[in-house]
N, C-alpha and C. Protein backbone atom coordinates (compact mmCIF):
# COMPACT_ATOMS: atom_id res chain seq x y z
N MET A 1 66.19 -79.82 21.92
CA MET A 1 64.95 -79.31 22.40
C MET A 1 63.93 -80.43 22.34
N THR A 2 62.99 -80.36 23.26
CA THR A 2 61.92 -81.34 23.31
C THR A 2 60.58 -80.62 23.32
N LYS A 3 59.51 -81.38 23.16
CA LYS A 3 58.17 -80.80 23.18
C LYS A 3 57.99 -79.99 24.46
N GLY A 4 57.47 -78.78 24.32
CA GLY A 4 57.24 -77.91 25.47
C GLY A 4 58.34 -76.89 25.72
N THR A 5 59.49 -77.05 25.06
CA THR A 5 60.58 -76.09 25.23
C THR A 5 60.14 -74.73 24.72
N GLU A 6 60.42 -73.69 25.49
CA GLU A 6 60.09 -72.32 25.09
C GLU A 6 61.36 -71.59 24.69
N ILE A 7 61.30 -70.95 23.54
CA ILE A 7 62.41 -70.14 23.03
C ILE A 7 61.99 -68.69 23.18
N PRO A 8 62.71 -67.90 23.97
CA PRO A 8 62.30 -66.51 24.23
C PRO A 8 62.26 -65.66 22.96
N ARG A 9 61.53 -64.58 23.05
CA ARG A 9 61.44 -63.62 21.94
C ARG A 9 62.82 -63.06 21.62
N ALA A 10 63.12 -62.96 20.35
CA ALA A 10 64.36 -62.36 19.88
C ALA A 10 64.03 -60.95 19.41
N ASP A 11 64.02 -60.00 20.33
CA ASP A 11 63.56 -58.64 20.02
C ASP A 11 64.26 -58.02 18.82
N GLY A 12 65.57 -58.15 18.73
CA GLY A 12 66.30 -57.55 17.63
C GLY A 12 65.98 -58.15 16.28
N PHE A 13 65.34 -59.34 16.31
CA PHE A 13 65.01 -60.03 15.07
C PHE A 13 63.51 -60.02 14.79
N ARG A 14 62.74 -59.39 15.66
CA ARG A 14 61.28 -59.31 15.54
C ARG A 14 60.64 -60.68 15.36
N ALA A 15 61.03 -61.64 16.20
CA ALA A 15 60.51 -63.00 16.09
C ALA A 15 60.32 -63.61 17.47
N GLY A 16 59.30 -64.46 17.59
CA GLY A 16 59.07 -65.21 18.81
C GLY A 16 58.18 -64.47 19.78
N PRO A 17 58.01 -65.03 20.95
CA PRO A 17 58.60 -66.27 21.45
C PRO A 17 58.03 -67.48 20.74
N PHE A 18 58.77 -68.59 20.76
CA PHE A 18 58.35 -69.83 20.13
C PHE A 18 58.19 -70.91 21.18
N THR A 19 57.28 -71.82 20.92
CA THR A 19 57.13 -73.03 21.72
C THR A 19 57.29 -74.23 20.80
N VAL A 20 58.11 -75.18 21.23
CA VAL A 20 58.25 -76.41 20.47
C VAL A 20 57.02 -77.25 20.79
N SER A 21 56.17 -77.46 19.79
CA SER A 21 54.91 -78.17 20.03
C SER A 21 54.97 -79.65 19.65
N ALA A 22 55.99 -80.06 18.90
CA ALA A 22 56.16 -81.47 18.57
C ALA A 22 57.57 -81.72 18.07
N VAL A 23 58.09 -82.90 18.40
CA VAL A 23 59.38 -83.36 17.88
C VAL A 23 59.24 -84.85 17.61
N GLY A 24 59.56 -85.27 16.41
CA GLY A 24 59.47 -86.68 16.09
C GLY A 24 59.94 -86.95 14.68
N ALA A 25 59.65 -88.15 14.19
CA ALA A 25 60.10 -88.56 12.86
C ALA A 25 59.57 -87.65 11.76
N GLU A 26 58.42 -87.03 11.98
CA GLU A 26 57.82 -86.13 10.98
C GLU A 26 58.47 -84.75 10.97
N GLY A 27 59.26 -84.44 11.99
CA GLY A 27 59.94 -83.16 12.06
C GLY A 27 59.65 -82.42 13.36
N VAL A 28 60.01 -81.16 13.38
CA VAL A 28 59.83 -80.29 14.54
C VAL A 28 58.76 -79.26 14.20
N ASP A 29 57.81 -79.09 15.11
CA ASP A 29 56.78 -78.06 14.96
C ASP A 29 57.04 -76.96 15.97
N LEU A 30 57.02 -75.73 15.51
CA LEU A 30 57.19 -74.56 16.38
C LEU A 30 55.98 -73.67 16.21
N SER A 31 55.53 -73.07 17.31
CA SER A 31 54.42 -72.13 17.22
C SER A 31 54.78 -70.87 17.99
N SER A 32 54.17 -69.77 17.57
CA SER A 32 54.45 -68.48 18.19
C SER A 32 53.20 -67.63 18.18
N VAL A 33 52.97 -66.93 19.28
CA VAL A 33 51.91 -65.92 19.37
C VAL A 33 52.58 -64.66 19.90
N ASP A 34 52.57 -63.59 19.09
CA ASP A 34 53.23 -62.36 19.54
C ASP A 34 52.27 -61.52 20.40
N ALA A 35 52.76 -60.40 20.88
CA ALA A 35 52.00 -59.54 21.80
C ALA A 35 50.70 -59.03 21.20
N SER A 36 50.65 -58.93 19.87
CA SER A 36 49.43 -58.44 19.22
C SER A 36 48.43 -59.56 18.97
N GLY A 37 48.82 -60.82 19.26
CA GLY A 37 47.95 -61.96 19.04
C GLY A 37 48.18 -62.67 17.72
N PHE A 38 49.14 -62.18 16.92
CA PHE A 38 49.45 -62.82 15.64
C PHE A 38 50.08 -64.19 15.90
N THR A 39 49.54 -65.22 15.28
CA THR A 39 50.03 -66.59 15.45
C THR A 39 50.78 -67.04 14.20
N SER A 40 51.91 -67.67 14.41
CA SER A 40 52.63 -68.27 13.29
C SER A 40 53.07 -69.67 13.68
N ASN A 41 53.13 -70.55 12.69
CA ASN A 41 53.52 -71.94 12.91
C ASN A 41 54.55 -72.35 11.87
N LEU A 42 55.57 -73.03 12.32
CA LEU A 42 56.53 -73.68 11.44
C LEU A 42 56.34 -75.17 11.69
N LEU A 43 55.80 -75.88 10.71
CA LEU A 43 55.44 -77.28 10.90
C LEU A 43 56.34 -78.19 10.10
N GLY A 44 56.69 -79.34 10.69
CA GLY A 44 57.47 -80.35 9.98
C GLY A 44 58.85 -79.91 9.57
N GLN A 45 59.50 -79.11 10.39
CA GLN A 45 60.85 -78.64 10.08
C GLN A 45 61.83 -79.80 10.24
N ARG A 46 62.67 -80.02 9.22
CA ARG A 46 63.58 -81.18 9.21
C ARG A 46 64.99 -80.77 8.79
N PRO A 47 65.98 -81.56 9.18
CA PRO A 47 67.35 -81.27 8.78
C PRO A 47 67.56 -81.34 7.27
N ASP A 48 66.77 -82.14 6.57
CA ASP A 48 66.97 -82.36 5.14
C ASP A 48 66.02 -81.54 4.26
N GLN A 49 65.48 -80.45 4.78
CA GLN A 49 64.49 -79.69 4.01
C GLN A 49 65.10 -78.70 3.02
N GLY A 50 66.40 -78.62 2.96
CA GLY A 50 67.03 -77.78 1.95
C GLY A 50 67.47 -76.40 2.45
N GLY A 51 67.25 -76.10 3.70
CA GLY A 51 67.68 -74.82 4.25
C GLY A 51 66.82 -74.42 5.43
N PRO A 52 67.22 -73.35 6.10
CA PRO A 52 66.48 -72.91 7.28
C PRO A 52 65.16 -72.24 6.91
N SER A 53 64.28 -72.15 7.88
CA SER A 53 63.07 -71.34 7.75
C SER A 53 63.37 -69.98 8.34
N THR A 54 62.72 -68.96 7.81
CA THR A 54 62.98 -67.60 8.28
C THR A 54 61.69 -66.94 8.73
N VAL A 55 61.75 -66.32 9.91
CA VAL A 55 60.65 -65.54 10.45
C VAL A 55 61.20 -64.14 10.69
N ASN A 56 60.70 -63.18 9.94
CA ASN A 56 61.22 -61.82 9.98
C ASN A 56 62.73 -61.84 9.75
N LYS A 57 63.52 -61.52 10.76
CA LYS A 57 64.98 -61.47 10.57
C LYS A 57 65.70 -62.63 11.26
N LEU A 58 64.95 -63.68 11.65
CA LEU A 58 65.52 -64.82 12.36
C LEU A 58 65.39 -66.08 11.51
N SER A 59 66.51 -66.79 11.31
CA SER A 59 66.49 -68.07 10.62
C SER A 59 66.58 -69.19 11.65
N ILE A 60 65.84 -70.26 11.38
CA ILE A 60 65.79 -71.40 12.28
C ILE A 60 66.08 -72.65 11.46
N ALA A 61 67.14 -73.36 11.83
CA ALA A 61 67.52 -74.58 11.13
C ALA A 61 67.47 -75.75 12.11
N VAL A 62 66.90 -76.85 11.68
CA VAL A 62 66.92 -78.09 12.47
C VAL A 62 68.17 -78.85 12.06
N LEU A 63 69.07 -79.07 13.00
CA LEU A 63 70.32 -79.75 12.70
C LEU A 63 70.18 -81.26 12.79
N THR A 64 69.54 -81.75 13.85
CA THR A 64 69.34 -83.18 14.05
C THR A 64 68.04 -83.43 14.79
N ILE A 65 67.50 -84.61 14.56
CA ILE A 65 66.37 -85.12 15.33
C ILE A 65 66.73 -86.54 15.73
N VAL A 66 66.74 -86.79 17.04
CA VAL A 66 67.01 -88.13 17.55
C VAL A 66 65.87 -88.45 18.52
N GLY A 67 65.01 -89.36 18.10
CA GLY A 67 63.84 -89.69 18.93
C GLY A 67 62.94 -88.49 19.06
N HIS A 68 62.76 -88.05 20.30
CA HIS A 68 61.91 -86.89 20.57
C HIS A 68 62.72 -85.68 21.01
N THR A 69 63.98 -85.62 20.56
CA THR A 69 64.86 -84.50 20.88
C THR A 69 65.44 -83.95 19.57
N ALA A 70 65.42 -82.63 19.46
CA ALA A 70 65.97 -81.98 18.26
C ALA A 70 67.02 -80.95 18.68
N LYS A 71 67.97 -80.75 17.79
CA LYS A 71 68.97 -79.71 17.97
C LYS A 71 68.69 -78.65 16.90
N LEU A 72 68.44 -77.41 17.34
CA LEU A 72 68.12 -76.32 16.44
C LEU A 72 69.22 -75.27 16.47
N ARG A 73 69.37 -74.55 15.39
CA ARG A 73 70.30 -73.41 15.32
C ARG A 73 69.47 -72.20 14.94
N LEU A 74 69.53 -71.15 15.75
CA LEU A 74 68.87 -69.89 15.47
C LEU A 74 69.93 -68.86 15.16
N PHE A 75 69.75 -68.12 14.05
CA PHE A 75 70.78 -67.17 13.64
C PHE A 75 70.17 -66.07 12.80
N PRO A 76 70.87 -64.94 12.65
CA PRO A 76 70.34 -63.83 11.87
C PRO A 76 70.10 -64.24 10.41
N ALA A 77 68.96 -63.85 9.87
CA ALA A 77 68.65 -64.14 8.47
C ALA A 77 69.45 -63.20 7.59
N GLY A 78 69.74 -63.66 6.43
CA GLY A 78 70.40 -62.77 5.48
C GLY A 78 71.66 -63.28 5.05
């Protein structure tokens, strides 16, 4: 994924939609604004952070960052 990539809402997981707002040496930044206007941000997500981040029932793990491209894994939390 690169800056500007949009990840659709995962209805069954009550998360998203997300926009990749940055990818680089500092990590991956994701932002989300839901239908009610609630904003959430996951900033500086990195492969070496010790585990995935979780938003409601969705876990997001950064697998690799190469330059300005990241590979993410989205999966059910729990």
